[in-house]
Amino acid sequence: IGLSGGRTYYYDSVKGRFTISRDNAKNTVY
């Protein structure tokens, strides 16, 4: 995931099942 969460990229086998996100206020990526 990029800085603001606008860019996300996935391995083919997890697309549609996994979601990456980030909360910059909490310094955390999920």
PDB file of all heavy atoms in Angstrom:
ATOM      1  N   ILE A   1       0.845  -1.194   0.000  1.00  0.00           N
ATOM      2  CA  ILE A   1       0.000   0.000   0.000  1.00  0.00           C
ATOM      3  C   ILE A   1       0.878   1.240   0.000  1.00  0.00           C
ATOM      4  O   ILE A   1       1.925   1.288   0.660  1.00  0.00           O
ATOM      5  CB  ILE A   1      -0.953  -0.023   1.218  1.00  0.00           C
ATOM      6  CG1 ILE A   1      -2.005   1.075   1.121  1.00  0.00           C
ATOM      7  CG2 ILE A   1      -0.183   0.043   2.535  1.00  0.00           C
ATOM      8  CD1 ILE A   1      -3.156   0.884   2.113  1.00  0.00           C
ATOM      9  N   GLY A   2       0.449   2.261  -0.753  1.00  0.00           N
ATOM     10  CA  GLY A   2       1.160   3.514  -0.796  1.00  0.00           C
ATOM     11  C   GLY A   2       0.865   4.382   0.413  1.00  0.00           C
ATOM     12  O   GLY A   2       0.314   3.928   1.412  1.00  0.00           O
ATOM     13  N   LEU A   3       1.229   5.654   0.309  1.00  0.00           N
ATOM     14  CA  LEU A   3       1.220   6.522   1.487  1.00  0.00           C
ATOM     15  C   LEU A   3      -0.172   6.790   2.055  1.00  0.00           C
ATOM     16  O   LEU A   3      -0.366   6.773   3.269  1.00  0.00           O
ATOM     17  CB  LEU A   3       1.890   7.848   1.143  1.00  0.00           C
ATOM     18  CG  LEU A   3       3.364   7.781   0.771  1.00  0.00           C
ATOM     19  CD1 LEU A   3       3.893   9.183   0.507  1.00  0.00           C
ATOM     20  CD2 LEU A   3       4.167   7.095   1.858  1.00  0.00           C
ATOM     21  N   SER A   4      -1.124   7.054   1.184  1.00  0.00           N
ATOM     22  CA  SER A   4      -2.449   7.440   1.662  1.00  0.00           C
ATOM     23  C   SER A   4      -3.461   6.314   1.552  1.00  0.00           C
ATOM     24  O   SER A   4      -4.605   6.474   1.972  1.00  0.00           O
ATOM     25  CB  SER A   4      -2.959   8.643   0.860  1.00  0.00           C
ATOM     26  OG  SER A   4      -3.105   8.284  -0.502  1.00  0.00           O
ATOM     27  N   GLY A   5      -3.040   5.200   0.986  1.00  0.00           N
ATOM     28  CA  GLY A   5      -3.953   4.081   0.799  1.00  0.00           C
ATOM     29  C   GLY A   5      -4.607   4.061  -0.567  1.00  0.00           C
ATOM     30  O   GLY A   5      -5.350   3.132  -0.879  1.00  0.00           O
ATOM     31  N   GLY A   6      -4.322   5.084  -1.393  1.00  0.00           N
ATOM     32  CA  GLY A   6      -4.925   5.110  -2.714  1.00  0.00           C
ATOM     33  C   GLY A   6      -4.356   4.067  -3.653  1.00  0.00           C
ATOM     34  O   GLY A   6      -5.025   3.633  -4.587  1.00  0.00           O
ATOM     35  N   ARG A   7      -3.092   3.691  -3.434  1.00  0.00           N
ATOM     36  CA  ARG A   7      -2.469   2.649  -4.256  1.00  0.00           C
ATOM     37  C   ARG A   7      -2.389   1.370  -3.432  1.00  0.00           C
ATOM     38  O   ARG A   7      -1.802   1.361  -2.365  1.00  0.00           O
ATOM     39  CB  ARG A   7      -1.053   3.040  -4.651  1.00  0.00           C
ATOM     40  CG  ARG A   7      -0.897   4.325  -5.438  1.00  0.00           C
ATOM     41  CD  ARG A   7       0.576   4.619  -5.664  1.00  0.00           C
ATOM     42  NE  ARG A   7       0.818   5.924  -6.241  1.00  0.00           N
ATOM     43  CZ  ARG A   7       1.036   6.145  -7.528  1.00  0.00           C
ATOM     44  NH1 ARG A   7       1.021   5.131  -8.363  1.00  0.00           N
ATOM     45  NH2 ARG A   7       1.270   7.360  -7.962  1.00  0.00           N
ATOM     46  N   THR A   8      -2.989   0.300  -3.938  1.00  0.00           N
ATOM     47  CA  THR A   8      -2.870  -0.999  -3.291  1.00  0.00           C
ATOM     48  C   THR A   8      -2.535  -2.045  -4.343  1.00  0.00           C
ATOM     49  O   THR A   8      -2.965  -1.938  -5.499  1.00  0.00           O
ATOM     50  CB  THR A   8      -4.159  -1.404  -2.561  1.00  0.00           C
ATOM     51  OG1 THR A   8      -5.255  -1.402  -3.487  1.00  0.00           O
ATOM     52  CG2 THR A   8      -4.465  -0.451  -1.413  1.00  0.00           C
ATOM     53  N   TYR A   9      -1.766  -3.044  -3.924  1.00  0.00           N
ATOM     54  CA  TYR A   9      -1.301  -4.080  -4.835  1.00  0.00           C
ATOM     55  C   TYR A   9      -1.422  -5.419  -4.118  1.00  0.00           C
ATOM     56  O   TYR A   9      -1.200  -5.502  -2.905  1.00  0.00           O
ATOM     57  CB  TYR A   9       0.162  -3.837  -5.229  1.00  0.00           C
ATOM     58  CG  TYR A   9       0.435  -2.447  -5.749  1.00  0.00           C
ATOM     59  CD1 TYR A   9       0.836  -1.424  -4.890  1.00  0.00           C
ATOM     60  CD2 TYR A   9       0.272  -2.146  -7.097  1.00  0.00           C
ATOM     61  CE1 TYR A   9       1.076  -0.157  -5.363  1.00  0.00           C
ATOM     62  CE2 TYR A   9       0.516  -0.873  -7.579  1.00  0.00           C
ATOM     63  CZ  TYR A   9       0.921   0.118  -6.705  1.00  0.00           C
ATOM     64  OH  TYR A   9       1.155   1.382  -7.179  1.00  0.00           O
ATOM     65  N   TYR A  10      -1.737  -6.472  -4.893  1.00  0.00           N
ATOM     66  CA  TYR A  10      -1.959  -7.785  -4.286  1.00  0.00           C
ATOM     67  C   TYR A  10      -1.325  -8.887  -5.124  1.00  0.00           C
ATOM     68  O   TYR A  10      -1.269  -8.810  -6.358  1.00  0.00           O
ATOM     69  CB  TYR A  10      -3.459  -8.080  -4.171  1.00  0.00           C
ATOM     70  CG  TYR A  10      -4.193  -7.137  -3.271  1.00  0.00           C
ATOM     71  CD1 TYR A  10      -4.825  -6.011  -3.763  1.00  0.00           C
ATOM     72  CD2 TYR A  10      -4.250  -7.378  -1.898  1.00  0.00           C
ATOM     73  CE1 TYR A  10      -5.492  -5.139  -2.931  1.00  0.00           C
ATOM     74  CE2 TYR A  10      -4.923  -6.508  -1.048  1.00  0.00           C
ATOM     75  CZ  TYR A  10      -5.533  -5.389  -1.581  1.00  0.00           C
ATOM     76  OH  TYR A  10      -6.200  -4.534  -0.736  1.00  0.00           O
ATOM     77  N   TYR A  11      -0.887  -9.924  -4.422  1.00  0.00           N
ATOM     78  CA  TYR A  11      -0.488 -11.152  -5.074  1.00  0.00           C
ATOM     79  C   TYR A  11      -1.747 -11.773  -5.688  1.00  0.00           C
ATOM     80  O   TYR A  11      -2.830 -11.693  -5.090  1.00  0.00           O
ATOM     81  CB  TYR A  11       0.133 -12.086  -4.031  1.00  0.00           C
ATOM     82  CG  TYR A  11       0.724 -13.358  -4.541  1.00  0.00           C
ATOM     83  CD1 TYR A  11       1.504 -13.402  -5.685  1.00  0.00           C
ATOM     84  CD2 TYR A  11       0.513 -14.554  -3.854  1.00  0.00           C
ATOM     85  CE1 TYR A  11       2.053 -14.583  -6.141  1.00  0.00           C
ATOM     86  CE2 TYR A  11       1.063 -15.739  -4.287  1.00  0.00           C
ATOM     87  CZ  TYR A  11       1.839 -15.744  -5.431  1.00  0.00           C
ATOM     88  OH  TYR A  11       2.378 -16.918  -5.879  1.00  0.00           O
ATOM     89  N   ASP A  12      -1.599 -12.360  -6.850  1.00  0.00           N
ATOM     90  CA  ASP A  12      -2.773 -12.855  -7.565  1.00  0.00           C
ATOM     91  C   ASP A  12      -3.625 -13.807  -6.726  1.00  0.00           C
ATOM     92  O   ASP A  12      -4.857 -13.753  -6.768  1.00  0.00           O
ATOM     93  CB  ASP A  12      -2.349 -13.554  -8.854  1.00  0.00           C
ATOM     94  CG  ASP A  12      -1.950 -12.575  -9.946  1.00  0.00           C
ATOM     95  OD1 ASP A  12      -2.208 -11.365  -9.781  1.00  0.00           O
ATOM     96  OD2 ASP A  12      -1.381 -13.015 -10.961  1.00  0.00           O
ATOM     97  N   SER A  13      -2.993 -14.668  -5.953  1.00  0.00           N
ATOM     98  CA  SER A  13      -3.748 -15.708  -5.240  1.00  0.00           C
ATOM     99  C   SER A  13      -4.568 -15.163  -4.074  1.00  0.00           C
ATOM    100  O   SER A  13      -5.425 -15.878  -3.541  1.00  0.00           O
ATOM    101  CB  SER A  13      -2.810 -16.802  -4.734  1.00  0.00           C
ATOM    102  OG  SER A  13      -2.015 -16.323  -3.669  1.00  0.00           O
ATOM    103  N   VAL A  14      -4.337 -13.897  -3.690  1.00  0.00           N
ATOM    104  CA  VAL A  14      -5.106 -13.338  -2.572  1.00  0.00           C
ATOM    105  C   VAL A  14      -6.082 -12.256  -3.022  1.00  0.00           C
ATOM    106  O   VAL A  14      -6.865 -11.753  -2.203  1.00  0.00           O
ATOM    107  CB  VAL A  14      -4.175 -12.785  -1.459  1.00  0.00           C
ATOM    108  CG1 VAL A  14      -3.156 -13.829  -1.028  1.00  0.00           C
ATOM    109  CG2 VAL A  14      -3.496 -11.487  -1.881  1.00  0.00           C
ATOM    110  N   LYS A  15      -6.046 -11.897  -4.285  1.00  0.00           N
ATOM    111  CA  LYS A  15      -6.961 -10.864  -4.784  1.00  0.00           C
ATOM    112  C   LYS A  15      -8.404 -11.284  -4.563  1.00  0.00           C
ATOM    113  O   LYS A  15      -8.792 -12.415  -4.830  1.00  0.00           O
ATOM    114  CB  LYS A  15      -6.716 -10.623  -6.274  1.00  0.00           C
ATOM    115  CG  LYS A  15      -5.480  -9.807  -6.586  1.00  0.00           C
ATOM    116  CD  LYS A  15      -5.311  -9.600  -8.082  1.00  0.00           C
ATOM    117  CE  LYS A  15      -4.062  -8.817  -8.392  1.00  0.00           C
ATOM    118  NZ  LYS A  15      -3.837  -8.679  -9.852  1.00  0.00           N
ATOM    119  N   GLY A  16      -9.200 -10.347  -4.058  1.00  0.00           N
ATOM    120  CA  GLY A  16     -10.599 -10.642  -3.785  1.00  0.00           C
ATOM    121  C   GLY A  16     -10.843 -11.265  -2.426  1.00  0.00           C
ATOM    122  O   GLY A  16     -11.988 -11.355  -1.977  1.00  0.00           O
ATOM    123  N   ARG A  17      -9.777 -11.706  -1.761  1.00  0.00           N
ATOM    124  CA  ARG A  17      -9.916 -12.316  -0.431  1.00  0.00           C
ATOM    125  C   ARG A  17      -9.253 -11.469   0.659  1.00  0.00           C
ATOM    126  O   ARG A  17      -9.746 -11.398   1.783  1.00  0.00           O
ATOM    127  CB  ARG A  17      -9.295 -13.717  -0.408  1.00  0.00           C
ATOM    128  CG  ARG A  17      -9.921 -14.689  -1.393  1.00  0.00           C
ATOM    129  CD  ARG A  17      -9.412 -16.117  -1.172  1.00  0.00           C
ATOM    130  NE  ARG A  17      -7.972 -16.238  -1.390  1.00  0.00           N
ATOM    131  CZ  ARG A  17      -7.118 -16.678  -0.483  1.00  0.00           C
ATOM    132  NH1 ARG A  17      -7.537 -17.032   0.723  1.00  0.00           N
ATOM    133  NH2 ARG A  17      -5.818 -16.777  -0.785  1.00  0.00           N
ATOM    134  N   PHE A  18      -8.133 -10.850   0.315  1.00  0.00           N
ATOM    135  CA  PHE A  18      -7.381 -10.043   1.285  1.00  0.00           C
ATOM    136  C   PHE A  18      -7.537  -8.559   0.948  1.00  0.00           C
ATOM    137  O   PHE A  18      -7.628  -8.178  -0.222  1.00  0.00           O
ATOM    138  CB  PHE A  18      -5.900 -10.391   1.243  1.00  0.00           C
ATOM    139  CG  PHE A  18      -5.535 -11.746   1.774  1.00  0.00           C
ATOM    140  CD1 PHE A  18      -6.491 -12.713   2.046  1.00  0.00           C
ATOM    141  CD2 PHE A  18      -4.200 -12.067   1.985  1.00  0.00           C
ATOM    142  CE1 PHE A  18      -6.137 -13.964   2.529  1.00  0.00           C
ATOM    143  CE2 PHE A  18      -3.830 -13.313   2.473  1.00  0.00           C
ATOM    144  CZ  PHE A  18      -4.805 -14.266   2.734  1.00  0.00           C
ATOM    145  N   THR A  19      -7.504  -7.726   1.990  1.00  0.00           N
ATOM    146  CA  THR A  19      -7.546  -6.281   1.803  1.00  0.00           C
ATOM    147  C   THR A  19      -6.508  -5.629   2.701  1.00  0.00           C
ATOM    148  O   THR A  19      -6.513  -5.845   3.914  1.00  0.00           O
ATOM    149  CB  THR A  19      -8.930  -5.717   2.138  1.00  0.00           C
ATOM    150  OG1 THR A  19      -9.919  -6.354   1.326  1.00  0.00           O
ATOM    151  CG2 THR A  19      -8.970  -4.212   1.882  1.00  0.00           C
ATOM    152  N   ILE A  20      -5.641  -4.836   2.102  1.00  0.00           N
ATOM    153  CA  ILE A  20      -4.664  -4.073   2.867  1.00  0.00           C
ATOM    154  C   ILE A  20      -5.188  -2.651   3.044  1.00  0.00           C
ATOM    155  O   ILE A  20      -5.799  -2.076   2.138  1.00  0.00           O
ATOM    156  CB  ILE A  20      -3.276  -4.069   2.173  1.00  0.00           C
ATOM    157  CG1 ILE A  20      -2.220  -3.437   3.067  1.00  0.00           C
ATOM    158  CG2 ILE A  20      -3.330  -3.402   0.806  1.00  0.00           C
ATOM    159  CD1 ILE A  20      -0.790  -3.610   2.545  1.00  0.00           C
ATOM    160  N   SER A  21      -4.962  -2.094   4.226  1.00  0.00           N
ATOM    161  CA  SER A  21      -5.385  -0.719   4.491  1.00  0.00           C
ATOM    162  C   SER A  21      -4.431  -0.131   5.526  1.00  0.00           C
ATOM    163  O   SER A  21      -3.641  -0.852   6.140  1.00  0.00           O
ATOM    164  CB  SER A  21      -6.832  -0.686   5.005  1.00  0.00           C
ATOM    165  OG  SER A  21      -6.943  -1.390   6.235  1.00  0.00           O
ATOM    166  N   ARG A  22      -4.507   1.167   5.705  1.00  0.00           N
ATOM    167  CA  ARG A  22      -3.653   1.823   6.686  1.00  0.00           C
ATOM    168  C   ARG A  22      -4.415   2.946   7.359  1.00  0.00           C
ATOM    169  O   ARG A  22      -5.303   3.564   6.757  1.00  0.00           O
ATOM    170  CB  ARG A  22      -2.368   2.346   6.047  1.00  0.00           C
ATOM    171  CG  ARG A  22      -2.538   3.428   5.043  1.00  0.00           C
ATOM    172  CD  ARG A  22      -1.220   3.715   4.302  1.00  0.00           C
ATOM    173  NE  ARG A  22      -0.199   4.256   5.197  1.00  0.00           N
ATOM    174  CZ  ARG A  22       1.104   4.261   4.908  1.00  0.00           C
ATOM    175  NH1 ARG A  22       1.535   3.747   3.767  1.00  0.00           N
ATOM    176  NH2 ARG A  22       1.969   4.788   5.764  1.00  0.00           N
ATOM    177  N   ASP A  23      -4.053   3.212   8.614  1.00  0.00           N
ATOM    178  CA  ASP A  23      -4.596   4.326   9.376  1.00  0.00           C
ATOM    179  C   ASP A  23      -3.396   5.155   9.820  1.00  0.00           C
ATOM    180  O   ASP A  23      -2.705   4.806  10.788  1.00  0.00           O
ATOM    181  CB  ASP A  23      -5.391   3.805  10.576  1.00  0.00           C
ATOM    182  CG  ASP A  23      -6.092   4.911  11.343  1.00  0.00           C
ATOM    183  OD1 ASP A  23      -5.639   6.073  11.257  1.00  0.00           O
ATOM    184  OD2 ASP A  23      -7.063   4.612  12.032  1.00  0.00           O
ATOM    185  N   ASN A  24      -3.134   6.224   9.119  1.00  0.00           N
ATOM    186  CA  ASN A  24      -1.945   7.031   9.412  1.00  0.00           C
ATOM    187  C   ASN A  24      -2.046   7.726  10.772  1.00  0.00           C
ATOM    188  O   ASN A  24      -1.026   8.034  11.391  1.00  0.00           O
ATOM    189  CB  ASN A  24      -1.706   8.044   8.302  1.00  0.00           C
ATOM    190  CG  ASN A  24      -1.181   7.386   7.031  1.00  0.00           C
ATOM    191  OD1 ASN A  24      -0.667   6.269   7.060  1.00  0.00           O
ATOM    192  ND2 ASN A  24      -1.317   8.078   5.906  1.00  0.00           N
ATOM    193  N   ALA A  25      -3.255   7.972  11.244  1.00  0.00           N
ATOM    194  CA  ALA A  25      -3.419   8.581  12.571  1.00  0.00           C
ATOM    195  C   ALA A  25      -3.009   7.616  13.682  1.00  0.00           C
ATOM    196  O   ALA A  25      -2.603   8.052  14.764  1.00  0.00           O
ATOM    197  CB  ALA A  25      -4.855   9.020  12.769  1.00  0.00           C
ATOM    198  N   LYS A  26      -3.111   6.320  13.411  1.00  0.00           N
ATOM    199  CA  LYS A  26      -2.748   5.301  14.389  1.00  0.00           C
ATOM    200  C   LYS A  26      -1.421   4.627  14.079  1.00  0.00           C
ATOM    201  O   LYS A  26      -1.031   3.679  14.773  1.00  0.00           O
ATOM    202  CB  LYS A  26      -3.852   4.238  14.468  1.00  0.00           C
ATOM    203  CG  LYS A  26      -5.178   4.773  14.983  1.00  0.00           C
ATOM    204  CD  LYS A  26      -6.206   3.659  15.093  1.00  0.00           C
ATOM    205  CE  LYS A  26      -7.526   4.183  15.652  1.00  0.00           C
ATOM    206  NZ  LYS A  26      -8.556   3.112  15.768  1.00  0.00           N
ATOM    207  N   ASN A  27      -0.753   5.070  13.018  1.00  0.00           N
ATOM    208  CA  ASN A  27       0.545   4.482  12.629  1.00  0.00           C
ATOM    209  C   ASN A  27       0.431   2.969  12.464  1.00  0.00           C
ATOM    210  O   ASN A  27       1.323   2.215  12.895  1.00  0.00           O
ATOM    211  CB  ASN A  27       1.629   4.809  13.671  1.00  0.00           C
ATOM    212  CG  ASN A  27       2.037   6.265  13.664  1.00  0.00           C
ATOM    213  OD1 ASN A  27       1.578   7.049  12.833  1.00  0.00           O
ATOM    214  ND2 ASN A  27       2.872   6.639  14.604  1.00  0.00           N
ATOM    215  N   THR A  28      -0.619   2.532  11.818  1.00  0.00           N
ATOM    216  CA  THR A  28      -0.899   1.107  11.722  1.00  0.00           C
ATOM    217  C   THR A  28      -1.345   0.741  10.311  1.00  0.00           C
ATOM    218  O   THR A  28      -2.105   1.484   9.676  1.00  0.00           O
ATOM    219  CB  THR A  28      -1.985   0.692  12.735  1.00  0.00           C
ATOM    220  OG1 THR A  28      -1.550   1.031  14.058  1.00  0.00           O
ATOM    221  CG2 THR A  28      -2.258  -0.804  12.679  1.00  0.00           C
ATOM    222  N   VAL A  29      -0.862  -0.408   9.860  1.00  0.00           N
ATOM    223  CA  VAL A  29      -1.326  -0.982   8.600  1.00  0.00           C
ATOM    224  C   VAL A  29      -2.002  -2.310   8.928  1.00  0.00           C
ATOM    225  O   VAL A  29      -1.593  -3.009   9.856  1.00  0.00           O
ATOM    226  CB  VAL A  29      -0.174  -1.153   7.596  1.00  0.00           C
ATOM    227  CG1 VAL A  29       0.871  -2.129   8.111  1.00  0.00           C
ATOM    228  CG2 VAL A  29      -0.691  -1.593   6.243  1.00  0.00           C
ATOM    229  N   TYR A  30      -3.038  -2.627   8.170  1.00  0.00           N
ATOM    230  CA  TYR A  30      -3.838  -3.818   8.432  1.00  0.00           C
ATOM    231  C   TYR A  30      -3.849  -4.748   7.219  1.00  0.00           C
ATOM    232  O   TYR A  30      -3.666  -4.309   6.081  1.00  0.00           O
ATOM    233  CB  TYR A  30      -5.282  -3.433   8.762  1.00  0.00           C
ATOM    234  CG  TYR A  30      -5.417  -2.494   9.920  1.00  0.00           C
ATOM    235  CD1 TYR A  30      -5.534  -1.124   9.726  1.00  0.00           C
ATOM    236  CD2 TYR A  30      -5.429  -2.966  11.229  1.00  0.00           C
ATOM    237  CE1 TYR A  30      -5.666  -0.250  10.789  1.00  0.00           C
ATOM    238  CE2 TYR A  30      -5.559  -2.101  12.306  1.00  0.00           C
ATOM    239  CZ  TYR A  30      -5.672  -0.745  12.074  1.00  0.00           C
ATOM    240  OH  TYR A  30      -5.793   0.116  13.137  1.00  0.00           O
TER     241      TYR A  30
END
